[in-house]
Amino acid sequence: MDHAMPRLKRAYGQLAGIMNMIESDRDCSDVLTQLAAVSKAIDRAAFSIISSGLEQCFINPESTEQDRARLEKLFHAFA
């Protein structure tokens, strides 16, 4: 999951910036643009984590159908 940390840290910083924008009464469209960027960063981090899980599932011959079903459920939560 370490590979997702840079994206999550960036999203964390962007979110703090958004909160400052709101407190400063910045234009709504600017705030929404930044919210979309944070949302995309979080989605990409989530898909990165899920893809690692899928990779491990295929590499690990002991993975079960239940493991695959769990990953599929997580994938659909973000799709």
PDB file of N, CA and C in Angstrom:
ATOM      1  N   MET A   1       0.808  -1.206   0.000  1.00  0.00           N
ATOM      2  CA  MET A   1       0.000   0.000   0.000  1.00  0.00           C
ATOM      3  C   MET A   1       0.846   1.263   0.000  1.00  0.00           C
ATOM      4  N   ASP A   2       2.154   1.107   0.176  1.00  0.00           N
ATOM      5  CA  ASP A   2       3.026   2.281   0.210  1.00  0.00           C
ATOM      6  C   ASP A   2       2.942   3.107  -1.072  1.00  0.00           C
ATOM      7  N   HIS A   3       2.679   2.453  -2.185  1.00  0.00           N
ATOM      8  CA  HIS A   3       2.619   3.165  -3.465  1.00  0.00           C
ATOM      9  C   HIS A   3       1.436   4.137  -3.529  1.00  0.00           C
ATOM     10  N   ALA A   4       0.447   3.949  -2.683  1.00  0.00           N
ATOM     11  CA  ALA A   4      -0.714   4.837  -2.667  1.00  0.00           C
ATOM     12  C   ALA A   4      -0.497   6.062  -1.770  1.00  0.00           C
ATOM     13  N   MET A   5       0.507   6.009  -0.908  1.00  0.00           N
ATOM     14  CA  MET A   5       0.718   7.092   0.053  1.00  0.00           C
ATOM     15  C   MET A   5       0.968   8.459  -0.589  1.00  0.00           C
ATOM     16  N   PRO A   6       1.789   8.573  -1.632  1.00  0.00           N
ATOM     17  CA  PRO A   6       1.975   9.912  -2.220  1.00  0.00           C
ATOM     18  C   PRO A   6       0.662  10.531  -2.714  1.00  0.00           C
ATOM     19  N   ARG A   7      -0.184   9.721  -3.315  1.00  0.00           N
ATOM     20  CA  ARG A   7      -1.473  10.241  -3.786  1.00  0.00           C
ATOM     21  C   ARG A   7      -2.352  10.665  -2.618  1.00  0.00           C
ATOM     22  N   LEU A   8      -2.354   9.871  -1.563  1.00  0.00           N
ATOM     23  CA  LEU A   8      -3.176  10.201  -0.402  1.00  0.00           C
ATOM     24  C   LEU A   8      -2.650  11.449   0.314  1.00  0.00           C
ATOM     25  N   LYS A   9      -1.335  11.586   0.389  1.00  0.00           N
ATOM     26  CA  LYS A   9      -0.765  12.785   1.013  1.00  0.00           C
ATOM     27  C   LYS A   9      -1.096  14.029   0.200  1.00  0.00           C
ATOM     28  N   ARG A  10      -1.048  13.894  -1.126  1.00  0.00           N
ATOM     29  CA  ARG A  10      -1.403  15.018  -1.982  1.00  0.00           C
ATOM     30  C   ARG A  10      -2.870  15.390  -1.778  1.00  0.00           C
ATOM     31  N   ALA A  11      -3.733  14.378  -1.717  1.00  0.00           N
ATOM     32  CA  ALA A  11      -5.164  14.629  -1.505  1.00  0.00           C
ATOM     33  C   ALA A  11      -5.396  15.287  -0.149  1.00  0.00           C
ATOM     34  N   TYR A  12      -4.653  14.866   0.845  1.00  0.00           N
ATOM     35  CA  TYR A  12      -4.764  15.440   2.183  1.00  0.00           C
ATOM     36  C   TYR A  12      -4.429  16.933   2.147  1.00  0.00           C
ATOM     37  N   GLY A  13      -3.352  17.272   1.465  1.00  0.00           N
ATOM     38  CA  GLY A  13      -2.973  18.674   1.328  1.00  0.00           C
ATOM     39  C   GLY A  13      -4.001  19.474   0.552  1.00  0.00           C
ATOM     40  N   GLN A  14      -4.518  18.867  -0.520  1.00  0.00           N
ATOM     41  CA  GLN A  14      -5.541  19.552  -1.316  1.00  0.00           C
ATOM     42  C   GLN A  14      -6.795  19.789  -0.480  1.00  0.00           C
ATOM     43  N   LEU A  15      -7.156  18.823   0.334  1.00  0.00           N
ATOM     44  CA  LEU A  15      -8.349  18.966   1.162  1.00  0.00           C
ATOM     45  C   LEU A  15      -8.182  20.102   2.169  1.00  0.00           C
ATOM     46  N   ALA A  16      -6.992  20.209   2.748  1.00  0.00           N
ATOM     47  CA  ALA A  16      -6.732  21.320   3.669  1.00  0.00           C
ATOM     48  C   ALA A  16      -6.854  22.649   2.928  1.00  0.00           C
ATOM     49  N   GLY A  17      -6.354  22.677   1.690  1.00  0.00           N
ATOM     50  CA  GLY A  17      -6.474  23.883   0.880  1.00  0.00           C
ATOM     51  C   GLY A  17      -7.916  24.235   0.585  1.00  0.00           C
ATOM     52  N   ILE A  18      -8.724  23.233   0.340  1.00  0.00           N
ATOM     53  CA  ILE A  18     -10.152  23.453   0.068  1.00  0.00           C
ATOM     54  C   ILE A  18     -10.842  24.041   1.298  1.00  0.00           C
ATOM     55  N   MET A  19     -10.488  23.522   2.454  1.00  0.00           N
ATOM     56  CA  MET A  19     -11.089  24.041   3.678  1.00  0.00           C
ATOM     57  C   MET A  19     -10.723  25.517   3.858  1.00  0.00           C
ATOM     58  N   ASN A  20      -9.478  25.863   3.550  1.00  0.00           N
ATOM     59  CA  ASN A  20      -9.059  27.280   3.616  1.00  0.00           C
ATOM     60  C   ASN A  20      -9.809  28.117   2.591  1.00  0.00           C
ATOM     61  N   MET A  21     -10.010  27.559   1.401  1.00  0.00           N
ATOM     62  CA  MET A  21     -10.756  28.275   0.366  1.00  0.00           C
ATOM     63  C   MET A  21     -12.169  28.587   0.836  1.00  0.00           C
ATOM     64  N   ILE A  22     -12.808  27.620   1.464  1.00  0.00           N
ATOM     65  CA  ILE A  22     -14.183  27.814   1.944  1.00  0.00           C
ATOM     66  C   ILE A  22     -14.216  28.873   3.041  1.00  0.00           C
ATOM     67  N   GLU A  23     -13.236  28.786   3.967  1.00  0.00           N
ATOM     68  CA  GLU A  23     -13.170  29.777   5.046  1.00  0.00           C
ATOM     69  C   GLU A  23     -12.897  31.186   4.512  1.00  0.00           C
ATOM     70  N   SER A  24     -12.227  31.269   3.365  1.00  0.00           N
ATOM     71  CA  SER A  24     -11.912  32.564   2.752  1.00  0.00           C
ATOM     72  C   SER A  24     -12.983  33.025   1.774  1.00  0.00           C
ATOM     73  N   ASP A  25     -14.092  32.297   1.750  1.00  0.00           N
ATOM     74  CA  ASP A  25     -15.207  32.625   0.843  1.00  0.00           C
ATOM     75  C   ASP A  25     -14.772  32.689  -0.622  1.00  0.00           C
ATOM     76  N   ARG A  26     -13.966  31.718  -1.037  1.00  0.00           N
ATOM     77  CA  ARG A  26     -13.548  31.669  -2.437  1.00  0.00           C
ATOM     78  C   ARG A  26     -14.722  31.275  -3.314  1.00  0.00           C
ATOM     79  N   ASP A  27     -14.576  31.552  -4.582  1.00  0.00           N
ATOM     80  CA  ASP A  27     -15.613  31.256  -5.563  1.00  0.00           C
ATOM     81  C   ASP A  27     -15.968  29.763  -5.543  1.00  0.00           C
ATOM     82  N   CYS A  28     -17.253  29.504  -5.623  1.00  0.00           N
ATOM     83  CA  CYS A  28     -17.771  28.135  -5.561  1.00  0.00           C
ATOM     84  C   CYS A  28     -17.170  27.245  -6.658  1.00  0.00           C
ATOM     85  N   SER A  29     -17.012  27.782  -7.849  1.00  0.00           N
ATOM     86  CA  SER A  29     -16.482  26.963  -8.944  1.00  0.00           C
ATOM     87  C   SER A  29     -15.028  26.570  -8.681  1.00  0.00           C
ATOM     88  N   ASP A  30     -14.254  27.443  -8.035  1.00  0.00           N
ATOM     89  CA  ASP A  30     -12.876  27.102  -7.674  1.00  0.00           C
ATOM     90  C   ASP A  30     -12.844  25.966  -6.645  1.00  0.00           C
ATOM     91  N   VAL A  31     -13.734  26.065  -5.670  1.00  0.00           N
ATOM     92  CA  VAL A  31     -13.815  25.035  -4.633  1.00  0.00           C
ATOM     93  C   VAL A  31     -14.210  23.698  -5.258  1.00  0.00           C
ATOM     94  N   LEU A  32     -15.210  23.716  -6.125  1.00  0.00           N
ATOM     95  CA  LEU A  32     -15.662  22.473  -6.754  1.00  0.00           C
ATOM     96  C   LEU A  32     -14.583  21.858  -7.643  1.00  0.00           C
ATOM     97  N   THR A  33     -13.819  22.693  -8.317  1.00  0.00           N
ATOM     98  CA  THR A  33     -12.718  22.183  -9.142  1.00  0.00           C
ATOM     99  C   THR A  33     -11.703  21.451  -8.273  1.00  0.00           C
ATOM    100  N   GLN A  34     -11.381  22.030  -7.143  1.00  0.00           N
ATOM    101  CA  GLN A  34     -10.424  21.388  -6.240  1.00  0.00           C
ATOM    102  C   GLN A  34     -11.006  20.127  -5.598  1.00  0.00           C
ATOM    103  N   LEU A  35     -12.290  20.140  -5.290  1.00  0.00           N
ATOM    104  CA  LEU A  35     -12.935  18.937  -4.750  1.00  0.00           C
ATOM    105  C   LEU A  35     -12.889  17.788  -5.761  1.00  0.00           C
ATOM    106  N   ALA A  36     -13.090  18.114  -7.023  1.00  0.00           N
ATOM    107  CA  ALA A  36     -13.015  17.085  -8.064  1.00  0.00           C
ATOM    108  C   ALA A  36     -11.608  16.502  -8.136  1.00  0.00           C
ATOM    109  N   ALA A  37     -10.593  17.347  -7.986  1.00  0.00           N
ATOM    110  CA  ALA A  37      -9.211  16.874  -8.018  1.00  0.00           C
ATOM    111  C   ALA A  37      -8.920  15.959  -6.835  1.00  0.00           C
ATOM    112  N   VAL A  38      -9.405  16.321  -5.653  1.00  0.00           N
ATOM    113  CA  VAL A  38      -9.212  15.470  -4.472  1.00  0.00           C
ATOM    114  C   VAL A  38      -9.918  14.134  -4.660  1.00  0.00           C
ATOM    115  N   SER A  39     -11.122  14.185  -5.152  1.00  0.00           N
ATOM    116  CA  SER A  39     -11.891  12.965  -5.374  1.00  0.00           C
ATOM    117  C   SER A  39     -11.155  12.024  -6.337  1.00  0.00           C
ATOM    118  N   LYS A  40     -10.615  12.588  -7.395  1.00  0.00           N
ATOM    119  CA  LYS A  40      -9.892  11.786  -8.379  1.00  0.00           C
ATOM    120  C   LYS A  40      -8.625  11.187  -7.766  1.00  0.00           C
ATOM    121  N   ALA A  41      -7.915  11.958  -6.964  1.00  0.00           N
ATOM    122  CA  ALA A  41      -6.700  11.464  -6.317  1.00  0.00           C
ATOM    123  C   ALA A  41      -7.013  10.303  -5.377  1.00  0.00           C
ATOM    124  N   ILE A  42      -8.098  10.420  -4.631  1.00  0.00           N
ATOM    125  CA  ILE A  42      -8.489   9.346  -3.715  1.00  0.00           C
ATOM    126  C   ILE A  42      -8.920   8.110  -4.500  1.00  0.00           C
ATOM    127  N   ASP A  43      -9.679   8.308  -5.558  1.00  0.00           N
ATOM    128  CA  ASP A  43     -10.088   7.176  -6.400  1.00  0.00           C
ATOM    129  C   ASP A  43      -8.879   6.453  -6.976  1.00  0.00           C
ATOM    130  N   ARG A  44      -7.896   7.203  -7.453  1.00  0.00           N
ATOM    131  CA  ARG A  44      -6.702   6.580  -8.026  1.00  0.00           C
ATOM    132  C   ARG A  44      -5.921   5.802  -6.970  1.00  0.00           C
ATOM    133  N   ALA A  45      -5.844   6.341  -5.768  1.00  0.00           N
ATOM    134  CA  ALA A  45      -5.171   5.623  -4.686  1.00  0.00           C
ATOM    135  C   ALA A  45      -5.918   4.322  -4.374  1.00  0.00           C
ATOM    136  N   ALA A  46      -7.230   4.398  -4.339  1.00  0.00           N
ATOM    137  CA  ALA A  46      -8.031   3.202  -4.051  1.00  0.00           C
ATOM    138  C   ALA A  46      -7.846   2.144  -5.140  1.00  0.00           C
ATOM    139  N   PHE A  47      -7.894   2.564  -6.404  1.00  0.00           N
ATOM    140  CA  PHE A  47      -7.715   1.602  -7.489  1.00  0.00           C
ATOM    141  C   PHE A  47      -6.310   1.012  -7.471  1.00  0.00           C
ATOM    142  N   SER A  48      -5.336   1.795  -7.068  1.00  0.00           N
ATOM    143  CA  SER A  48      -3.968   1.292  -6.961  1.00  0.00           C
ATOM    144  C   SER A  48      -3.882   0.195  -5.897  1.00  0.00           C
ATOM    145  N   ILE A  49      -4.522   0.429  -4.776  1.00  0.00           N
ATOM    146  CA  ILE A  49      -4.537  -0.571  -3.702  1.00  0.00           C
ATOM    147  C   ILE A  49      -5.291  -1.821  -4.145  1.00  0.00           C
ATOM    148  N   ILE A  50      -6.411  -1.635  -4.804  1.00  0.00           N
ATOM    149  CA  ILE A  50      -7.197  -2.774  -5.278  1.00  0.00           C
ATOM    150  C   ILE A  50      -6.411  -3.570  -6.314  1.00  0.00           C
ATOM    151  N   SER A  51      -5.728  -2.890  -7.219  1.00  0.00           N
ATOM    152  CA  SER A  51      -4.978  -3.614  -8.247  1.00  0.00           C
ATOM    153  C   SER A  51      -3.849  -4.423  -7.625  1.00  0.00           C
ATOM    154  N   SER A  52      -3.246  -3.918  -6.556  1.00  0.00           N
ATOM    155  CA  SER A  52      -2.224  -4.693  -5.851  1.00  0.00           C
ATOM    156  C   SER A  52      -2.829  -5.957  -5.255  1.00  0.00           C
ATOM    157  N   GLY A  53      -4.016  -5.811  -4.714  1.00  0.00           N
ATOM    158  CA  GLY A  53      -4.716  -6.979  -4.167  1.00  0.00           C
ATOM    159  C   GLY A  53      -5.030  -7.997  -5.236  1.00  0.00           C
ATOM    160  N   LEU A  54      -5.454  -7.525  -6.402  1.00  0.00           N
ATOM    161  CA  LEU A  54      -5.732  -8.437  -7.509  1.00  0.00           C
ATOM    162  C   LEU A  54      -4.467  -9.144  -7.958  1.00  0.00           C
ATOM    163  N   GLU A  55      -3.391  -8.399  -8.029  1.00  0.00           N
ATOM    164  CA  GLU A  55      -2.114  -8.979  -8.436  1.00  0.00           C
ATOM    165  C   GLU A  55      -1.697 -10.077  -7.464  1.00  0.00           C
ATOM    166  N   GLN A  56      -1.821  -9.808  -6.182  1.00  0.00           N
ATOM    167  CA  GLN A  56      -1.466 -10.810  -5.172  1.00  0.00           C
ATOM    168  C   GLN A  56      -2.370 -12.030  -5.275  1.00  0.00           C
ATOM    169  N   CYS A  57      -3.617 -11.801  -5.614  1.00  0.00           N
ATOM    170  CA  CYS A  57      -4.569 -12.899  -5.753  1.00  0.00           C
ATOM    171  C   CYS A  57      -4.136 -13.849  -6.871  1.00  0.00           C
ATOM    172  N   PHE A  58      -3.672 -13.273  -7.969  1.00  0.00           N
ATOM    173  CA  PHE A  58      -3.284 -14.107  -9.093  1.00  0.00           C
ATOM    174  C   PHE A  58      -1.920 -14.755  -8.887  1.00  0.00           C
ATOM    175  N   ILE A  59      -1.059 -14.096  -8.126  1.00  0.00           N
ATOM    176  CA  ILE A  59       0.259 -14.661  -7.853  1.00  0.00           C
ATOM    177  C   ILE A  59       0.156 -15.761  -6.809  1.00  0.00           C
ATOM    178  N   ASN A  60      -0.706 -15.587  -5.848  1.00  0.00           N
ATOM    179  CA  ASN A  60      -0.853 -16.544  -4.756  1.00  0.00           C
ATOM    180  C   ASN A  60      -1.754 -17.694  -5.184  1.00  0.00           C
ATOM    181  N   PRO A  61      -1.187 -18.874  -5.380  1.00  0.00           N
ATOM    182  CA  PRO A  61      -2.012 -20.008  -5.806  1.00  0.00           C
ATOM    183  C   PRO A  61      -2.992 -20.480  -4.732  1.00  0.00           C
ATOM    184  N   GLU A  62      -2.778 -20.023  -3.500  1.00  0.00           N
ATOM    185  CA  GLU A  62      -3.659 -20.445  -2.408  1.00  0.00           C
ATOM    186  C   GLU A  62      -4.865 -19.522  -2.233  1.00  0.00           C
ATOM    187  N   SER A  63      -4.970 -18.486  -3.060  1.00  0.00           N
ATOM    188  CA  SER A  63      -6.116 -17.585  -2.918  1.00  0.00           C
ATOM    189  C   SER A  63      -7.395 -18.336  -3.280  1.00  0.00           C
ATOM    190  N   THR A  64      -8.429 -17.982  -2.574  1.00  0.00           N
ATOM    191  CA  THR A  64      -9.695 -18.692  -2.727  1.00  0.00           C
ATOM    192  C   THR A  64     -10.678 -17.862  -3.546  1.00  0.00           C
ATOM    193  N   GLU A  65     -11.746 -18.485  -3.900  1.00  0.00           N
ATOM    194  CA  GLU A  65     -12.818 -17.775  -4.602  1.00  0.00           C
ATOM    195  C   GLU A  65     -13.391 -16.679  -3.702  1.00  0.00           C
ATOM    196  N   GLN A  66     -13.380 -16.926  -2.411  1.00  0.00           N
ATOM    197  CA  GLN A  66     -13.860 -15.921  -1.455  1.00  0.00           C
ATOM    198  C   GLN A  66     -12.949 -14.682  -1.476  1.00  0.00           C
ATOM    199  N   ASP A  67     -11.629 -14.896  -1.596  1.00  0.00           N
ATOM    200  CA  ASP A  67     -10.702 -13.765  -1.704  1.00  0.00           C
ATOM    201  C   ASP A  67     -11.010 -12.942  -2.951  1.00  0.00           C
ATOM    202  N   ARG A  68     -11.223 -13.620  -4.054  1.00  0.00           N
ATOM    203  CA  ARG A  68     -11.523 -12.929  -5.308  1.00  0.00           C
ATOM    204  C   ARG A  68     -12.849 -12.178  -5.223  1.00  0.00           C
ATOM    205  N   ALA A  69     -13.836 -12.789  -4.589  1.00  0.00           N
ATOM    206  CA  ALA A  69     -15.143 -12.143  -4.445  1.00  0.00           C
ATOM    207  C   ALA A  69     -15.024 -10.885  -3.581  1.00  0.00           C
ATOM    208  N   ARG A  70     -14.206 -10.956  -2.550  1.00  0.00           N
ATOM    209  CA  ARG A  70     -14.004  -9.801  -1.679  1.00  0.00           C
ATOM    210  C   ARG A  70     -13.351  -8.649  -2.447  1.00  0.00           C
ATOM    211  N   LEU A  71     -12.352  -8.964  -3.260  1.00  0.00           N
ATOM    212  CA  LEU A  71     -11.710  -7.933  -4.076  1.00  0.00           C
ATOM    213  C   LEU A  71     -12.667  -7.347  -5.100  1.00  0.00           C
ATOM    214  N   GLU A  72     -13.488  -8.194  -5.674  1.00  0.00           N
ATOM    215  CA  GLU A  72     -14.475  -7.707  -6.657  1.00  0.00           C
ATOM    216  C   GLU A  72     -15.443  -6.746  -5.993  1.00  0.00           C
ATOM    217  N   LYS A  73     -15.864  -7.064  -4.793  1.00  0.00           N
ATOM    218  CA  LYS A  73     -16.787  -6.199  -4.058  1.00  0.00           C
ATOM    219  C   LYS A  73     -16.126  -4.844  -3.782  1.00  0.00           C
ATOM    220  N   LEU A  74     -14.859  -4.865  -3.379  1.00  0.00           N
ATOM    221  CA  LEU A  74     -14.138  -3.614  -3.134  1.00  0.00           C
ATOM    222  C   LEU A  74     -14.000  -2.807  -4.418  1.00  0.00           C
ATOM    223  N   PHE A  75     -13.701  -3.475  -5.505  1.00  0.00           N
ATOM    224  CA  PHE A  75     -13.554  -2.803  -6.787  1.00  0.00           C
ATOM    225  C   PHE A  75     -14.856  -2.101  -7.166  1.00  0.00           C
ATOM    226  N   HIS A  76     -15.973  -2.793  -7.010  1.00  0.00           N
ATOM    227  CA  HIS A  76     -17.273  -2.204  -7.378  1.00  0.00           C
ATOM    228  C   HIS A  76     -17.663  -1.059  -6.453  1.00  0.00           C
ATOM    229  N   ALA A  77     -17.149  -1.047  -5.241  1.00  0.00           N
ATOM    230  CA  ALA A  77     -17.437   0.065  -4.332  1.00  0.00           C
ATOM    231  C   ALA A  77     -16.859   1.371  -4.858  1.00  0.00           C
ATOM    232  N   PHE A  78     -15.785   1.284  -5.651  1.00  0.00           N
ATOM    233  CA  PHE A  78     -15.152   2.476  -6.196  1.00  0.00           C
ATOM    234  C   PHE A  78     -15.433   2.713  -7.657  1.00  0.00           C
ATOM    235  N   ALA A  79     -16.077   1.777  -8.307  1.00  0.00           N
ATOM    236  CA  ALA A  79     -16.332   1.912  -9.749  1.00  0.00           C
ATOM    237  C   ALA A  79     -17.553   2.779 -10.006  1.00  0.00           C
TER     238      ALA A  79
END
